[in-house]
Amino acid sequence: MKHINFLILTLFSCVLSWAAYAQNTANITITASKQAPVTVTLVLEDVHFHPNLGTGLADAKLDAVASVNFADKTTEKTVIQLTEPKMMRLQYSGNGVNKTWMLFLQPGDDLTINVAENADVTFAGKNAGYQTFLKNYFLENQYQYLPVFGYKPSQIDNKSVVQQSDSLKKVRLDAFEKFKMANPVVPAFEAYVLATTATEPSLTRQLIQEKIMRRNRVAKLDAAQRKELEDFTLTDFKIQPDDALLSQAYRDELRNWALIPSTRKYPLESETRYEISPNALKDVYAFSKEKLANYPKQKEYLATYWLNYAATAIPGIETAKELLADYKTTFPQSPYIEYITKLIQTKESLQPGSSIPDITLLNTDSTAVTVSSLQGKPVLMVFSFSIGQHEPGLKVLEDKYADKVTFAYISVAAGIPLSTWKQYVKSRPTAKHLWASDENIEVLKEKYGIDIRYPFLVLDGAGKIVNRWIPQEFPNNKTLEAELQKVAK
């Protein structure tokens, strides 16, 4: 009898485990009627912060969770781990056609995607109706509608595009009301539909109005013009439920809406791309906590975003320390506390006068070169996130200081083999070109705090840091030249 009871308990436990597993997964089948040179890929749009070289923490991670080449087979099945609703991108490529559709997946879904010969898709299975609705009324982003609306880049006035965008909004809302009458709709799906529907027309109006202001020229907007564009956001934006974070358009405009009052109090600096001042960051952090007090996910999302910005995008560390102290108290369970803490510690170790940590890189002839071996005269280290980046813009400075400063261009583009990098390097006596492996890129991230916004590091002849946090400035980099003048005496 004991054995029977044990067997029953074991079976019951297995049933519960399988039920739990099934409720945290979604089954996807991608199928076609016959083989063809077509590739279909499913990309999960996972909205959560994760480390990303050049931004610190990026707010969404794109993961290719399934891919099938119909030249090889006609069916692909995959099981996706899900604990909450997520958006996905269904990407089609073949026969000169590229398309993307948005999908809404939940735990427990069982979806079949049928790929037709005419580059179209249909859906069957649990919650297939959601996918059909999105396919009919939602492209990947608002910019995909511009050619459909007759947008002409060379034409200054595209006001008809705005009218069509507003018409699409009404069509979407009417269609969604009808859809809800025939289908049970979960809150996350409704939040995505309504947030995207509300946000995209406002973004389209801003795009057209900015084009009119610039009159198709590369021109700087004056204060009144910037205010007019910002007023679009302040007037149009409405806070949606927390599930609206599934919408990228909504997330972008949420940040913009929160930031405008603070940058009006503390104006942006004009010469750099990454311009939010410490005072503006502290102000927008407090504003976000206050205005989103009843929206816990959005409050934490914005607080994390501004804290990350403070820790990565401005040179000083005091603002990041101040915000982190509050963040730890407000969100004690946040998984990002450790990451930001380590980032601040790295920046503390890279202050002027500190010794630069040594690291070994490779030269164009594959020989090892240590950073310490560059000592003897001042060094400008240039971290290049793509092959040849910054070199054309630094030519004047390189010629001017060639005899007094070593220009060291360090490739930190992940995934580019040494052999490929060598083919594109243009050697010259005034510069050193060094290559970092993917492993060493991680070391550079940890010890040098490499960041696409601050790609320049100046060392004196003894290998001491003069300035690690030199931004990109346009059209001329005054900050960089001032630091070179200091060390080139």
Protein backbone atom coordinates (compact mmCIF):
# COMPACT_ATOMS: atom_id res chain seq x y z
CA MET A 1 0.00 0.00 0.00
CA LYS A 2 2.89 2.33 0.84
CA HIS A 3 4.38 1.71 -2.59
CA ILE A 4 1.05 2.55 -4.25
CA ASN A 5 0.72 5.78 -2.26
CA PHE A 6 4.30 6.73 -3.14
CA LEU A 7 3.60 6.07 -6.83
CA ILE A 8 0.45 8.19 -6.71
CA LEU A 9 2.31 11.05 -5.02
CA THR A 10 5.12 10.82 -7.57
CA LEU A 11 2.68 10.92 -10.49
CA PHE A 12 0.79 13.81 -8.90
CA SER A 13 4.07 15.72 -8.44
CA CYS A 14 5.00 15.11 -12.09
CA VAL A 15 1.58 16.36 -13.23
CA LEU A 16 2.00 19.54 -11.16
CA SER A 17 5.53 20.07 -12.51
CA TRP A 18 4.35 19.62 -16.10
CA ALA A 19 1.43 21.99 -15.51
CA ALA A 20 3.78 24.63 -14.10
CA TYR A 21 6.14 24.16 -17.05
CA ALA A 22 3.29 24.46 -19.54
CA GLN A 23 2.12 27.68 -17.89
CA ASN A 24 5.59 29.21 -18.31
CA THR A 25 6.10 28.36 -21.96
CA ALA A 26 4.59 29.07 -25.36
CA ASN A 27 4.68 26.60 -28.24
CA ILE A 28 5.34 28.02 -31.69
CA THR A 29 5.18 26.10 -34.97
CA ILE A 30 6.34 27.81 -38.18
CA THR A 31 5.29 25.98 -41.34
CA ALA A 32 5.17 26.40 -45.11
CA SER A 33 3.41 24.42 -47.82
CA LYS A 34 6.65 23.69 -49.71
CA GLN A 35 10.36 24.35 -49.70
CA ALA A 36 11.55 27.76 -50.89
CA PRO A 37 14.55 30.13 -50.42
CA VAL A 38 12.83 31.93 -47.56
CA THR A 39 13.98 32.47 -43.97
CA VAL A 40 11.56 33.23 -41.14
CA THR A 41 12.89 34.32 -37.74
CA LEU A 42 11.16 34.92 -34.43
CA VAL A 43 12.74 37.67 -32.32
CA LEU A 44 11.67 38.08 -28.71
CA GLU A 45 11.44 41.72 -27.62
CA ASP A 46 12.20 41.28 -23.93
CA VAL A 47 11.61 44.57 -22.09
CA HIS A 48 14.08 44.51 -19.22
CA PHE A 49 17.35 46.30 -18.58
CA HIS A 50 20.50 44.42 -19.48
CA PRO A 51 24.19 45.36 -19.90
CA ASN A 52 24.94 46.77 -23.34
CA LEU A 53 28.27 48.18 -24.50
CA GLY A 54 27.81 51.87 -25.19
CA THR A 55 24.62 52.46 -23.20
CA GLY A 56 25.34 50.83 -19.87
CA LEU A 57 21.91 49.27 -19.45
CA ALA A 58 19.70 48.94 -22.53
CA ASP A 59 15.97 48.78 -21.84
CA ALA A 60 15.07 45.93 -24.19
CA LYS A 61 16.85 42.78 -25.30
CA LEU A 62 16.23 41.31 -28.74
CA ASP A 63 16.69 37.52 -28.79
CA ALA A 64 16.29 35.39 -31.91
CA VAL A 65 14.44 32.45 -30.37
CA ALA A 66 13.69 30.51 -33.56
CA SER A 67 14.66 30.56 -37.22
CA VAL A 68 13.80 28.32 -40.15
CA ASN A 69 15.16 28.27 -43.68
CA PHE A 70 12.41 26.80 -45.83
CA ALA A 71 15.00 25.79 -48.41
CA ASP A 72 15.97 23.02 -45.96
CA LYS A 73 12.65 22.07 -44.35
CA THR A 74 9.05 23.17 -44.16
CA THR A 75 8.37 23.01 -40.42
CA GLU A 76 10.07 24.29 -37.30
CA LYS A 77 8.76 23.87 -33.77
CA THR A 78 10.06 25.75 -30.76
CA VAL A 79 9.21 26.15 -27.10
CA ILE A 80 9.73 29.64 -25.66
CA GLN A 81 10.18 30.28 -21.96
CA LEU A 82 7.70 32.95 -20.85
CA THR A 83 6.56 34.04 -17.41
CA GLU A 84 4.58 37.07 -18.61
CA PRO A 85 3.25 38.48 -21.91
CA LYS A 86 5.89 39.61 -24.41
CA MET A 87 6.00 41.20 -27.83
CA MET A 88 7.77 39.38 -30.65
CA ARG A 89 8.84 40.24 -34.17
CA LEU A 90 8.18 37.78 -36.96
CA GLN A 91 10.72 38.52 -39.68
CA TYR A 92 10.36 37.24 -43.26
CA SER A 93 13.19 37.39 -45.78
CA GLY A 94 13.32 35.80 -49.23
CA ASN A 95 12.86 36.33 -52.97
CA GLY A 96 13.72 40.01 -52.58
CA VAL A 97 10.98 40.56 -49.98
CA ASN A 98 11.53 41.60 -46.35
CA LYS A 99 8.63 41.96 -43.93
CA THR A 100 8.16 42.19 -40.18
CA TRP A 101 4.99 41.54 -38.19
CA MET A 102 4.42 42.08 -34.47
CA LEU A 103 3.17 39.18 -32.33
CA PHE A 104 1.79 39.11 -28.79
CA LEU A 105 2.70 35.94 -26.88
CA GLN A 106 1.62 34.75 -23.44
CA PRO A 107 2.54 31.77 -21.28
CA GLY A 108 0.42 28.80 -22.35
CA ASP A 109 0.00 29.92 -25.97
CA ASP A 110 0.10 27.30 -28.71
CA LEU A 111 0.48 29.12 -32.02
CA THR A 112 0.95 27.91 -35.58
CA ILE A 113 2.32 30.37 -38.14
CA ASN A 114 1.54 29.44 -41.73
CA VAL A 115 3.85 31.06 -44.29
CA ALA A 116 2.31 31.41 -47.76
CA GLU A 117 4.08 31.56 -51.11
CA ASN A 118 3.03 35.20 -51.60
CA ALA A 119 5.09 36.37 -48.58
CA ASP A 120 2.04 36.49 -46.34
CA VAL A 121 1.33 34.74 -43.03
CA THR A 122 -1.77 33.42 -41.30
CA PHE A 123 -2.18 32.18 -37.75
CA ALA A 124 -3.96 29.29 -36.05
CA GLY A 125 -4.15 27.99 -32.49
CA LYS A 126 -4.64 29.52 -29.07
CA ASN A 127 -4.81 33.35 -29.22
CA ALA A 128 -4.24 33.40 -32.97
CA GLY A 129 -6.78 36.22 -33.11
CA TYR A 130 -4.36 38.58 -31.37
CA GLN A 131 -1.75 38.00 -34.06
CA THR A 132 -4.22 38.50 -36.90
CA PHE A 133 -5.39 41.77 -35.37
CA LEU A 134 -1.82 43.05 -35.02
CA LYS A 135 -0.97 41.95 -38.54
CA ASN A 136 -3.95 43.88 -39.93
CA TYR A 137 -3.44 47.11 -37.99
CA PHE A 138 0.13 47.37 -36.63
CA LEU A 139 3.45 47.51 -38.45
CA GLU A 140 6.73 47.27 -36.55
CA ASN A 141 6.94 51.04 -35.95
CA GLN A 142 5.32 54.27 -37.07
CA TYR A 143 8.03 55.07 -39.61
CA GLN A 144 6.99 52.09 -41.72
CA TYR A 145 3.70 53.88 -42.42
CA LEU A 146 5.31 56.96 -43.92
CA PRO A 147 5.73 55.62 -47.48
CA VAL A 148 2.24 54.11 -47.27
CA PHE A 149 0.93 57.58 -46.40
CA GLY A 150 2.74 59.14 -49.35
CA TYR A 151 5.53 60.73 -47.35
CA LYS A 152 8.13 62.41 -49.59
CA PRO A 153 11.52 63.12 -47.94
CA SER A 154 12.29 65.86 -50.48
CA GLN A 155 9.00 67.62 -49.83
CA ILE A 156 8.87 70.11 -46.97
CA ASP A 157 5.13 70.05 -46.36
CA ASN A 158 3.77 66.54 -45.75
CA LYS A 159 0.67 67.55 -43.81
CA SER A 160 -1.47 64.93 -45.54
CA VAL A 161 0.67 62.33 -43.80
CA VAL A 162 -0.47 63.72 -40.44
CA GLN A 163 -4.11 63.47 -41.50
CA GLN A 164 -3.67 59.86 -42.57
CA SER A 165 -1.91 59.06 -39.32
CA ASP A 166 -4.89 60.42 -37.39
CA SER A 167 -7.20 58.40 -39.62
CA LEU A 168 -5.23 55.24 -38.85
CA LYS A 169 -5.66 55.96 -35.15
CA LYS A 170 -9.46 56.07 -35.56
CA VAL A 171 -9.45 52.92 -37.67
CA ARG A 172 -7.41 51.11 -35.03
CA LEU A 173 -9.67 52.19 -32.18
CA ASP A 174 -12.87 51.28 -34.04
CA ALA A 175 -11.44 47.90 -35.06
CA PHE A 176 -10.28 47.20 -31.52
CA GLU A 177 -13.73 47.87 -30.08
CA LYS A 178 -15.20 45.36 -32.53
CA PHE A 179 -12.42 42.90 -31.75
CA LYS A 180 -13.14 43.08 -28.03
CA MET A 181 -16.80 42.30 -28.61
CA ALA A 182 -15.86 38.97 -30.18
CA ASN A 183 -12.70 38.09 -28.25
CA PRO A 184 -11.66 38.08 -24.58
CA VAL A 185 -8.75 40.52 -24.35
CA VAL A 186 -6.11 40.36 -21.61
CA PRO A 187 -4.99 43.69 -20.06
CA ALA A 188 -1.44 43.50 -21.46
CA PHE A 189 -2.69 43.22 -25.05
CA GLU A 190 -5.10 46.11 -24.59
CA ALA A 191 -2.36 48.23 -23.03
CA TYR A 192 -0.03 47.60 -25.98
CA VAL A 193 -2.71 48.40 -28.56
CA LEU A 194 -3.95 51.58 -26.87
CA ALA A 195 -0.50 52.89 -25.92
CA THR A 196 0.91 52.42 -29.41
CA THR A 197 -2.24 53.82 -31.01
CA ALA A 198 -2.12 56.94 -28.83
CA THR A 199 1.62 57.56 -29.15
CA GLU A 200 2.44 57.03 -32.83
CA PRO A 201 0.29 59.85 -34.31
CA SER A 202 1.93 62.35 -31.95
CA LEU A 203 5.38 61.19 -33.05
CA THR A 204 4.37 61.50 -36.69
CA ARG A 205 3.14 65.07 -36.16
CA GLN A 206 6.42 65.98 -34.47
CA LEU A 207 8.42 64.45 -37.33
CA ILE A 208 6.55 66.44 -39.99
CA GLN A 209 6.61 69.68 -38.01
CA GLU A 210 10.35 69.41 -37.40
CA LYS A 211 10.89 68.87 -41.12
CA ILE A 212 8.90 72.02 -41.86
CA MET A 213 10.93 73.96 -39.30
CA ARG A 214 14.23 72.84 -40.77
CA ARG A 215 12.97 73.35 -44.34
CA ASN A 216 14.83 70.19 -45.40
CA ARG A 217 18.15 71.60 -44.25
CA VAL A 218 20.62 70.49 -41.62
CA ALA A 219 19.78 73.37 -39.33
CA LYS A 220 19.80 73.87 -35.60
CA LEU A 221 16.38 74.54 -34.10
CA ASP A 222 16.04 77.69 -32.02
CA ALA A 223 14.54 77.74 -28.53
CA ALA A 224 11.03 78.62 -29.72
CA GLN A 225 11.02 75.78 -32.26
CA ARG A 226 12.24 73.24 -29.69
CA LYS A 227 9.54 74.42 -27.31
CA GLU A 228 6.88 73.96 -29.99
CA LEU A 229 7.96 70.35 -30.56
CA GLU A 230 8.14 69.65 -26.84
CA ASP A 231 4.66 71.07 -26.39
CA PHE A 232 3.35 68.33 -28.71
CA THR A 233 4.54 65.75 -26.20
CA LEU A 234 3.35 67.63 -23.11
CA THR A 235 -0.11 68.04 -24.64
CA ASP A 236 -0.54 64.63 -26.24
CA PHE A 237 1.11 62.21 -23.84
CA LYS A 238 -1.07 60.40 -21.31
CA ILE A 239 0.20 57.86 -18.78
CA GLN A 240 -1.08 54.39 -19.64
CA PRO A 241 -1.19 51.24 -17.47
CA ASP A 242 2.13 49.59 -16.62
CA ASP A 243 1.72 46.97 -19.36
CA ALA A 244 2.10 49.80 -21.88
CA LEU A 245 5.85 49.36 -21.41
CA LEU A 246 5.52 46.59 -24.01
CA SER A 247 5.28 49.37 -26.61
CA GLN A 248 8.61 50.82 -27.68
CA ALA A 249 6.96 53.99 -29.00
CA TYR A 250 5.31 54.48 -25.60
CA ARG A 251 8.56 53.89 -23.68
CA ASP A 252 10.41 56.43 -25.83
CA GLU A 253 7.73 59.08 -25.39
CA LEU A 254 7.38 58.34 -21.66
CA ARG A 255 11.04 59.23 -21.17
CA ASN A 256 10.70 62.30 -23.37
CA TRP A 257 7.60 63.49 -21.49
CA ALA A 258 9.28 63.08 -18.11
CA LEU A 259 12.47 64.83 -19.19
CA ILE A 260 11.05 67.99 -20.81
CA PRO A 261 10.16 69.90 -17.58
CA SER A 262 13.62 69.21 -16.15
CA THR A 263 15.56 70.29 -19.25
CA ARG A 264 13.50 73.46 -19.38
CA LYS A 265 14.70 74.25 -15.86
CA TYR A 266 18.24 73.11 -16.60
CA PRO A 267 18.85 73.58 -20.36
CA LEU A 268 20.85 71.07 -22.37
CA GLU A 269 24.44 71.85 -23.28
CA SER A 270 24.67 72.42 -27.00
CA GLU A 271 28.02 70.94 -28.03
CA THR A 272 27.63 67.27 -27.06
CA ARG A 273 25.18 64.58 -27.99
CA TYR A 274 24.74 63.43 -24.40
CA GLU A 275 23.82 66.60 -22.65
CA ILE A 276 21.57 66.07 -19.63
CA SER A 277 23.15 67.95 -16.74
CA PRO A 278 23.49 66.57 -13.20
CA ASN A 279 20.84 68.99 -11.93
CA ALA A 280 18.41 67.96 -14.68
CA LEU A 281 19.02 64.28 -13.91
CA LYS A 282 18.28 64.72 -10.22
CA ASP A 283 15.17 66.71 -11.09
CA VAL A 284 13.78 64.21 -13.61
CA TYR A 285 14.52 61.29 -11.28
CA ALA A 286 12.44 62.95 -8.52
CA PHE A 287 9.73 63.96 -11.02
CA SER A 288 9.45 60.39 -12.35
CA LYS A 289 9.06 58.94 -8.86
CA GLU A 290 6.38 61.46 -7.99
CA LYS A 291 4.32 61.40 -11.19
CA LEU A 292 4.42 57.61 -11.52
CA ALA A 293 3.80 56.78 -7.87
CA ASN A 294 0.66 54.84 -8.84
CA TYR A 295 2.43 52.97 -11.67
CA PRO A 296 5.11 50.87 -9.93
CA LYS A 297 6.59 49.24 -13.04
CA GLN A 298 6.90 52.53 -14.89
CA LYS A 299 8.29 54.27 -11.82
CA GLU A 300 11.03 51.66 -11.48
CA TYR A 301 11.63 51.69 -15.24
CA LEU A 302 12.25 55.45 -15.33
CA ALA A 303 14.22 55.53 -12.07
CA THR A 304 16.49 52.79 -13.44
CA TYR A 305 16.88 54.64 -16.74
CA TRP A 306 17.92 57.95 -15.13
CA LEU A 307 20.23 56.22 -12.63
CA ASN A 308 21.91 54.36 -15.49
CA TYR A 309 22.25 57.64 -17.41
CA ALA A 310 23.87 59.29 -14.40
CA ALA A 311 26.32 56.41 -14.01
CA THR A 312 27.29 56.17 -17.68
CA ALA A 313 26.56 59.32 -19.68
CA ILE A 314 28.02 62.08 -17.52
CA PRO A 315 31.66 62.22 -16.42
CA GLY A 316 31.19 62.88 -12.70
CA ILE A 317 30.13 60.25 -10.16
CA GLU A 318 28.48 62.34 -7.44
CA THR A 319 25.08 62.43 -9.15
CA ALA A 320 25.12 58.67 -9.70
CA LYS A 321 26.08 58.10 -6.06
CA GLU A 322 23.26 60.32 -4.83
CA LEU A 323 20.63 58.66 -7.03
CA LEU A 324 21.92 55.17 -6.22
CA ALA A 325 21.50 55.79 -2.49
CA ASP A 326 17.84 56.68 -3.02
CA TYR A 327 17.37 53.85 -5.53
CA LYS A 328 18.61 51.25 -3.04
CA THR A 329 16.03 52.45 -0.52
CA THR A 330 13.17 52.70 -3.02
CA PHE A 331 13.86 49.49 -4.95
CA PRO A 332 15.85 47.28 -2.56
CA GLN A 333 15.17 44.13 -4.61
CA SER A 334 16.32 45.61 -7.92
CA PRO A 335 18.73 43.33 -9.81
CA TYR A 336 20.54 46.40 -11.20
CA ILE A 337 21.98 47.71 -7.93
CA GLU A 338 25.10 45.54 -8.13
CA TYR A 339 25.77 46.51 -11.75
CA ILE A 340 25.48 50.26 -11.13
CA THR A 341 27.55 50.00 -7.94
CA LYS A 342 30.42 48.31 -9.82
CA LEU A 343 30.18 50.86 -12.63
CA ILE A 344 30.55 53.74 -10.19
CA GLN A 345 33.52 52.01 -8.57
CA THR A 346 35.18 51.68 -11.98
CA LYS A 347 34.67 55.39 -12.67
CA GLU A 348 36.11 56.24 -9.25
CA SER A 349 39.29 54.35 -10.18
CA LEU A 350 39.67 56.32 -13.43
CA GLN A 351 39.96 59.82 -12.04
CA PRO A 352 42.78 62.21 -13.11
CA GLY A 353 46.13 61.23 -11.63
CA SER A 354 45.26 57.53 -11.34
CA SER A 355 47.42 54.88 -13.01
CA ILE A 356 45.77 53.16 -15.93
CA PRO A 357 45.39 49.37 -15.48
CA ASP A 358 47.66 47.47 -17.84
CA ILE A 359 46.21 45.28 -20.57
CA THR A 360 47.70 43.40 -23.53
CA LEU A 361 46.37 44.04 -27.03
CA LEU A 362 47.49 42.93 -30.51
CA ASN A 363 49.26 44.96 -33.16
CA THR A 364 48.63 44.75 -36.92
CA ASP A 365 51.45 42.19 -37.19
CA SER A 366 49.78 40.08 -34.43
CA THR A 367 52.45 40.93 -31.86
CA ALA A 368 51.40 41.62 -28.28
CA VAL A 369 51.46 45.25 -27.12
CA THR A 370 50.86 46.27 -23.51
CA VAL A 371 49.38 49.64 -22.70
CA SER A 372 52.27 50.23 -20.28
CA SER A 373 54.73 49.90 -23.20
CA LEU A 374 53.24 53.05 -24.75
CA GLN A 375 54.61 55.19 -21.91
CA GLY A 376 57.35 57.70 -22.61
CA LYS A 377 55.25 60.35 -24.19
CA PRO A 378 51.57 61.24 -23.77
CA VAL A 379 48.98 58.91 -25.29
CA LEU A 380 45.56 59.51 -26.75
CA MET A 381 43.64 56.24 -26.61
CA VAL A 382 40.71 56.17 -29.04
CA PHE A 383 38.20 53.36 -28.50
CA SER A 384 36.70 52.49 -31.88
CA PHE A 385 33.37 50.68 -31.89
CA SER A 386 33.52 50.15 -35.66
CA ILE A 387 36.45 49.79 -38.04
CA GLY A 388 38.03 53.15 -38.80
CA GLN A 389 35.75 55.06 -36.44
CA HIS A 390 37.01 58.55 -35.42
CA GLU A 391 40.13 58.45 -37.61
CA PRO A 392 38.92 60.88 -40.32
CA GLY A 393 37.72 63.33 -37.68
CA LEU A 394 41.00 63.21 -35.76
CA LYS A 395 43.28 63.68 -38.77
CA VAL A 396 43.86 67.39 -38.10
CA LEU A 397 44.75 66.76 -34.44
CA GLU A 398 46.89 63.77 -35.38
CA ASP A 399 48.91 65.87 -37.81
CA LYS A 400 49.20 68.71 -35.30
CA TYR A 401 50.40 66.61 -32.34
CA ALA A 402 52.02 63.65 -34.12
CA ASP A 403 55.51 64.31 -32.71
CA LYS A 404 54.30 64.92 -29.16
CA VAL A 405 51.41 62.48 -28.60
CA THR A 406 50.95 58.82 -29.48
CA PHE A 407 47.57 58.27 -31.14
CA ALA A 408 46.45 54.73 -30.32
CA TYR A 409 43.28 53.54 -32.04
CA ILE A 410 41.91 50.49 -30.22
CA SER A 411 39.30 48.34 -31.95
CA VAL A 412 36.60 47.33 -29.44
CA ALA A 413 34.10 46.11 -32.02
CA ALA A 414 32.93 42.75 -30.69
CA GLY A 415 32.78 39.82 -33.08
CA ILE A 416 35.31 41.15 -35.61
CA PRO A 417 38.20 38.67 -36.02
CA LEU A 418 41.79 39.87 -36.02
CA SER A 419 42.23 38.77 -39.64
CA THR A 420 39.24 40.82 -40.78
CA TRP A 421 40.31 43.89 -38.81
CA LYS A 422 43.79 43.78 -40.37
CA GLN A 423 42.35 44.03 -43.87
CA TYR A 424 40.79 47.43 -43.15
CA VAL A 425 43.48 49.07 -41.02
CA LYS A 426 45.27 51.90 -42.79
CA SER A 427 48.71 51.98 -41.18
CA ARG A 428 50.63 55.24 -40.91
CA PRO A 429 53.61 56.38 -38.85
CA THR A 430 51.59 58.89 -36.81
CA ALA A 431 49.28 56.26 -35.27
CA LYS A 432 49.20 52.88 -33.58
CA HIS A 433 46.39 50.44 -34.34
CA LEU A 434 45.57 47.83 -31.71
CA TRP A 435 42.95 45.08 -31.61
CA ALA A 436 41.07 43.78 -28.58
CA SER A 437 39.65 40.26 -28.55
CA ASP A 438 36.10 39.76 -27.29
CA GLU A 439 37.61 38.59 -24.00
CA ASN A 440 39.74 41.73 -23.72
CA ILE A 441 36.78 43.92 -24.63
CA GLU A 442 35.14 42.61 -21.46
CA VAL A 443 38.28 43.51 -19.52
CA LEU A 444 38.26 47.00 -21.05
CA LYS A 445 34.62 47.40 -20.05
CA GLU A 446 35.44 46.40 -16.49
CA LYS A 447 38.71 48.31 -16.02
CA TYR A 448 38.55 51.19 -18.50
CA GLY A 449 34.78 51.81 -18.52
CA ILE A 450 34.78 51.98 -22.33
CA ASP A 451 31.70 53.78 -23.59
CA ILE A 452 30.70 54.91 -27.07
CA ARG A 453 29.79 58.34 -25.66
CA TYR A 454 33.27 58.87 -24.19
CA PRO A 455 35.65 57.22 -26.67
CA PHE A 456 38.77 59.23 -25.77
CA LEU A 457 41.30 58.75 -22.95
CA VAL A 458 44.37 60.97 -22.49
CA LEU A 459 47.39 59.72 -20.52
CA ASP A 460 50.52 61.65 -19.60
CA GLY A 461 54.01 60.33 -20.32
CA ALA A 462 54.07 58.37 -17.05
CA GLY A 463 50.86 56.51 -17.84
CA LYS A 464 48.71 58.59 -15.47
CA ILE A 465 45.16 59.52 -16.43
CA VAL A 466 44.73 63.14 -17.50
CA ASN A 467 41.10 62.80 -18.57
CA ARG A 468 39.16 59.58 -19.15
CA TRP A 469 35.76 61.15 -19.86
CA ILE A 470 36.18 63.13 -23.06
CA PRO A 471 32.97 63.17 -25.10
CA GLN A 472 32.37 63.37 -28.81
CA GLU A 473 31.85 67.01 -29.77
CA PHE A 474 30.80 68.42 -33.12
CA PRO A 475 31.94 69.89 -35.41
CA ASN A 476 35.25 70.33 -33.50
CA ASN A 477 36.24 68.56 -30.30
CA LYS A 478 37.34 71.50 -28.14
CA THR A 479 37.57 69.43 -24.96
CA LEU A 480 39.89 66.88 -26.56
CA GLU A 481 42.17 69.51 -28.07
CA ALA A 482 42.42 71.34 -24.74
CA GLU A 483 43.58 68.10 -23.06
CA LEU A 484 46.13 67.44 -25.81
CA GLN A 485 47.50 70.95 -25.43
CA LYS A 486 48.07 70.28 -21.71
CA VAL A 487 50.15 67.14 -22.27
CA ALA A 488 51.93 68.17 -25.46
CA LYS A 489 54.02 70.92 -23.89
